[in-house]
């Protein structure tokens, strides 16, 4: 999960890109890099490889339940990138550039600004609000 190609593959999988050619186009990865990352994501159980055509045999890559559970992390990383990576991938928190995409909540039809919040009180979570405690202490 720690490399940029895997992140791009997952981002595109969440947007419905499932086939090798589509992922090749949207990620910009070379075929050998894309193939290696897809194999790794399949071996980790994050994607599953499914045949969608028999003659010739063709496959697509679909998110598993384990993969779909990564959605909140991917969305928060996208938010971080929108703020800090700028349009050219340059560290530019002062850039006036708009994010390349907006996430639209289908239920209300509005663009969202994702937040991490406490499941008990509903307050946003920041690093200053948290402490770590080992289980059993």
C-alpha atoms as a PDB file:
ATOM      1  CA  UNK A   1       0.000   0.000   0.000  1.00  0.00           C
ATOM      2  CA  UNK A   2       2.959   2.293   0.450  1.00  0.00           C
ATOM      3  CA  UNK A   3       3.715   3.051  -3.193  1.00  0.00           C
ATOM      4  CA  UNK A   4       2.098   5.654  -5.400  1.00  0.00           C
ATOM      5  CA  UNK A   5       1.097   3.185  -8.124  1.00  0.00           C
ATOM      6  CA  UNK A   6      -1.005   1.119  -5.717  1.00  0.00           C
ATOM      7  CA  UNK A   7      -2.696   4.281  -4.487  1.00  0.00           C
ATOM      8  CA  UNK A   8      -3.529   5.330  -8.064  1.00  0.00           C
ATOM      9  CA  UNK A   9      -4.875   1.867  -8.891  1.00  0.00           C
ATOM     10  CA  UNK A  10      -7.100   1.915  -5.808  1.00  0.00           C
ATOM     11  CA  UNK A  11      -8.273   5.461  -6.516  1.00  0.00           C
ATOM     12  CA  UNK A  12      -9.315   4.410 -10.008  1.00  0.00           C
ATOM     13  CA  UNK A  13     -10.894   1.175  -8.781  1.00  0.00           C
ATOM     14  CA  UNK A  14     -13.128   3.270  -6.507  1.00  0.00           C
ATOM     15  CA  UNK A  15     -14.127   5.293  -9.587  1.00  0.00           C
ATOM     16  CA  UNK A  16     -15.091   2.101 -11.439  1.00  0.00           C
ATOM     17  CA  UNK A  17     -12.008   1.480 -13.589  1.00  0.00           C
ATOM     18  CA  UNK A  18     -11.651  -2.306 -13.652  1.00  0.00           C
ATOM     19  CA  UNK A  19      -9.802  -3.366 -16.756  1.00  0.00           C
ATOM     20  CA  UNK A  20      -6.069  -3.425 -17.374  1.00  0.00           C
ATOM     21  CA  UNK A  21      -6.224  -1.081 -20.379  1.00  0.00           C
ATOM     22  CA  UNK A  22      -8.309   1.429 -18.450  1.00  0.00           C
ATOM     23  CA  UNK A  23      -5.947   1.341 -15.486  1.00  0.00           C
ATOM     24  CA  UNK A  24      -2.985   1.686 -17.835  1.00  0.00           C
ATOM     25  CA  UNK A  25      -4.513   4.849 -19.277  1.00  0.00           C
ATOM     26  CA  UNK A  26      -5.690   6.455 -16.028  1.00  0.00           C
ATOM     27  CA  UNK A  27      -2.650   5.704 -13.866  1.00  0.00           C
ATOM     28  CA  UNK A  28       0.058   6.326 -16.462  1.00  0.00           C
ATOM     29  CA  UNK A  29       1.943   3.271 -15.197  1.00  0.00           C
ATOM     30  CA  UNK A  30       3.975   1.146 -17.582  1.00  0.00           C
ATOM     31  CA  UNK A  31       2.450  -2.295 -18.326  1.00  0.00           C
ATOM     32  CA  UNK A  32       5.045  -4.180 -16.258  1.00  0.00           C
ATOM     33  CA  UNK A  33       4.613  -1.912 -13.220  1.00  0.00           C
ATOM     34  CA  UNK A  34       0.821  -2.066 -13.454  1.00  0.00           C
ATOM     35  CA  UNK A  35       0.881  -5.849 -13.791  1.00  0.00           C
ATOM     36  CA  UNK A  36       3.163  -6.210 -10.743  1.00  0.00           C
ATOM     37  CA  UNK A  37       1.020  -3.898  -8.590  1.00  0.00           C
ATOM     38  CA  UNK A  38      -2.205  -5.638  -9.615  1.00  0.00           C
ATOM     39  CA  UNK A  39      -0.692  -9.015  -8.696  1.00  0.00           C
ATOM     40  CA  UNK A  40       0.333  -7.608  -5.313  1.00  0.00           C
ATOM     41  CA  UNK A  41      -3.116  -6.115  -4.632  1.00  0.00           C
ATOM     42  CA  UNK A  42      -4.747  -9.430  -5.606  1.00  0.00           C
ATOM     43  CA  UNK A  43      -2.340 -11.397  -3.383  1.00  0.00           C
ATOM     44  CA  UNK A  44      -3.182  -9.089  -0.449  1.00  0.00           C
ATOM     45  CA  UNK A  45      -6.905  -9.732  -1.025  1.00  0.00           C
ATOM     46  CA  UNK A  46      -7.647  -6.083  -1.842  1.00  0.00           C
ATOM     47  CA  UNK A  47      -8.619  -6.750  -5.467  1.00  0.00           C
ATOM     48  CA  UNK A  48      -9.932  -9.896  -7.073  1.00  0.00           C
ATOM     49  CA  UNK A  49      -9.277 -10.909 -10.649  1.00  0.00           C
ATOM     50  CA  UNK A  50     -12.405 -11.972 -12.572  1.00  0.00           C
ATOM     51  CA  UNK A  51     -12.808 -13.164 -16.143  1.00  0.00           C
ATOM     52  CA  UNK A  52     -15.189 -10.960 -18.121  1.00  0.00           C
ATOM     53  CA  UNK A  53     -14.575 -12.451 -21.596  1.00  0.00           C
ATOM     54  CA  UNK A  54     -13.740 -16.027 -22.557  1.00  0.00           C
ATOM     55  CA  UNK A  55     -12.383 -15.875 -26.137  1.00  0.00           C
ATOM     56  CA  UNK A  56      -9.909 -14.332 -25.845  1.00  0.00           C
ATOM     57  CA  UNK A  57      -9.684 -14.682 -22.083  1.00  0.00           C
ATOM     58  CA  UNK A  58      -9.819 -11.212 -20.508  1.00  0.00           C
ATOM     59  CA  UNK A  59      -9.870 -10.189 -16.857  1.00  0.00           C
ATOM     60  CA  UNK A  60     -10.996  -7.260 -14.773  1.00  0.00           C
ATOM     61  CA  UNK A  61     -10.026  -6.286 -11.246  1.00  0.00           C
ATOM     62  CA  UNK A  62     -12.715  -5.657  -8.643  1.00  0.00           C
ATOM     63  CA  UNK A  63     -12.435  -4.415  -5.100  1.00  0.00           C
ATOM     64  CA  UNK A  64     -13.031  -7.033  -2.434  1.00  0.00           C
ATOM     65  CA  UNK A  65     -14.717  -6.220   0.862  1.00  0.00           C
ATOM     66  CA  UNK A  66     -11.222  -5.741   2.297  1.00  0.00           C
ATOM     67  CA  UNK A  67     -10.456  -3.334  -0.541  1.00  0.00           C
ATOM     68  CA  UNK A  68     -13.711  -1.394  -0.169  1.00  0.00           C
ATOM     69  CA  UNK A  69     -12.879  -0.894   3.516  1.00  0.00           C
ATOM     70  CA  UNK A  70      -9.923   1.235   2.367  1.00  0.00           C
ATOM     71  CA  UNK A  71     -12.290   3.888   0.966  1.00  0.00           C
ATOM     72  CA  UNK A  72     -12.199   6.243   3.974  1.00  0.00           C
ATOM     73  CA  UNK A  73      -8.391   6.177   4.012  1.00  0.00           C
ATOM     74  CA  UNK A  74      -8.181   6.869   0.272  1.00  0.00           C
ATOM     75  CA  UNK A  75     -10.644   9.774   0.532  1.00  0.00           C
ATOM     76  CA  UNK A  76      -8.724  11.359   3.419  1.00  0.00           C
ATOM     77  CA  UNK A  77      -5.443  10.957   1.515  1.00  0.00           C
ATOM     78  CA  UNK A  78      -7.071  12.639  -1.494  1.00  0.00           C
ATOM     79  CA  UNK A  79      -8.104  15.517   0.766  1.00  0.00           C
ATOM     80  CA  UNK A  80      -4.536  15.815   2.026  1.00  0.00           C
ATOM     81  CA  UNK A  81      -3.215  15.782  -1.551  1.00  0.00           C
ATOM     82  CA  UNK A  82      -5.692  18.485  -2.585  1.00  0.00           C
ATOM     83  CA  UNK A  83      -4.346  20.705   0.167  1.00  0.00           C
ATOM     84  CA  UNK A  84      -0.638  19.949   0.059  1.00  0.00           C
ATOM     85  CA  UNK A  85       0.337  18.481  -3.307  1.00  0.00           C
ATOM     86  CA  UNK A  86      -1.049  21.140  -5.663  1.00  0.00           C
ATOM     87  CA  UNK A  87      -1.938  20.623  -9.294  1.00  0.00           C
ATOM     88  CA  UNK A  88       1.621  19.620 -10.265  1.00  0.00           C
ATOM     89  CA  UNK A  89       2.316  17.373  -7.292  1.00  0.00           C
ATOM     90  CA  UNK A  90       4.386  20.140  -5.736  1.00  0.00           C
ATOM     91  CA  UNK A  91       4.181  20.893  -2.023  1.00  0.00           C
ATOM     92  CA  UNK A  92       2.119  24.074  -2.289  1.00  0.00           C
ATOM     93  CA  UNK A  93      -0.317  24.779   0.552  1.00  0.00           C
ATOM     94  CA  UNK A  94      -0.756  28.327  -0.741  1.00  0.00           C
ATOM     95  CA  UNK A  95      -1.884  27.311  -4.210  1.00  0.00           C
ATOM     96  CA  UNK A  96      -5.200  28.764  -5.309  1.00  0.00           C
ATOM     97  CA  UNK A  97      -5.741  25.796  -7.629  1.00  0.00           C
ATOM     98  CA  UNK A  98      -8.967  23.890  -7.120  1.00  0.00           C
ATOM     99  CA  UNK A  99      -8.868  20.159  -6.421  1.00  0.00           C
ATOM    100  CA  UNK A 100      -9.007  18.091  -9.626  1.00  0.00           C
ATOM    101  CA  UNK A 101     -12.250  16.375  -8.596  1.00  0.00           C
ATOM    102  CA  UNK A 102     -15.121  16.898  -6.192  1.00  0.00           C
ATOM    103  CA  UNK A 103     -16.694  14.051  -4.231  1.00  0.00           C
ATOM    104  CA  UNK A 104     -20.481  14.254  -4.538  1.00  0.00           C
ATOM    105  CA  UNK A 105     -22.642  12.556  -1.901  1.00  0.00           C
ATOM    106  CA  UNK A 106     -25.360  10.778  -3.887  1.00  0.00           C
ATOM    107  CA  UNK A 107     -27.917  11.047  -1.068  1.00  0.00           C
ATOM    108  CA  UNK A 108     -27.934  14.863  -0.904  1.00  0.00           C
ATOM    109  CA  UNK A 109     -26.274  15.685  -4.235  1.00  0.00           C
ATOM    110  CA  UNK A 110     -23.720  18.030  -2.653  1.00  0.00           C
ATOM    111  CA  UNK A 111     -19.924  18.121  -2.758  1.00  0.00           C
ATOM    112  CA  UNK A 112     -18.409  16.928   0.512  1.00  0.00           C
ATOM    113  CA  UNK A 113     -15.344  17.864   2.517  1.00  0.00           C
ATOM    114  CA  UNK A 114     -14.489  14.549   4.193  1.00  0.00           C
ATOM    115  CA  UNK A 115     -13.641  14.598   7.880  1.00  0.00           C
ATOM    116  CA  UNK A 116     -12.521  12.052  10.425  1.00  0.00           C
ATOM    117  CA  UNK A 117     -14.850  12.134  13.409  1.00  0.00           C
ATOM    118  CA  UNK A 118     -15.359  10.399  16.724  1.00  0.00           C
ATOM    119  CA  UNK A 119     -17.947   7.633  16.519  1.00  0.00           C
ATOM    120  CA  UNK A 120     -19.034   8.404  20.114  1.00  0.00           C
ATOM    121  CA  UNK A 121     -19.547  12.198  20.193  1.00  0.00           C
ATOM    122  CA  UNK A 122     -19.379  13.156  16.505  1.00  0.00           C
ATOM    123  CA  UNK A 123     -16.621  15.743  16.995  1.00  0.00           C
ATOM    124  CA  UNK A 124     -13.878  16.014  14.341  1.00  0.00           C
ATOM    125  CA  UNK A 125     -10.657  14.219  15.274  1.00  0.00           C
ATOM    126  CA  UNK A 126      -7.280  15.934  15.110  1.00  0.00           C
ATOM    127  CA  UNK A 127      -3.920  14.734  16.312  1.00  0.00           C
ATOM    128  CA  UNK A 128      -4.065  17.209  19.211  1.00  0.00           C
ATOM    129  CA  UNK A 129      -7.277  15.587  20.491  1.00  0.00           C
ATOM    130  CA  UNK A 130      -5.936  12.049  20.691  1.00  0.00           C
ATOM    131  CA  UNK A 131      -3.796   9.908  22.943  1.00  0.00           C
ATOM    132  CA  UNK A 132      -2.663   6.325  22.522  1.00  0.00           C
ATOM    133  CA  UNK A 133      -3.340   3.663  25.101  1.00  0.00           C
ATOM    134  CA  UNK A 134      -2.379   0.005  24.838  1.00  0.00           C
ATOM    135  CA  UNK A 135      -5.329  -2.377  25.125  1.00  0.00           C
ATOM    136  CA  UNK A 136      -5.352  -4.015  28.557  1.00  0.00           C
ATOM    137  CA  UNK A 137      -3.640  -1.138  30.372  1.00  0.00           C
END
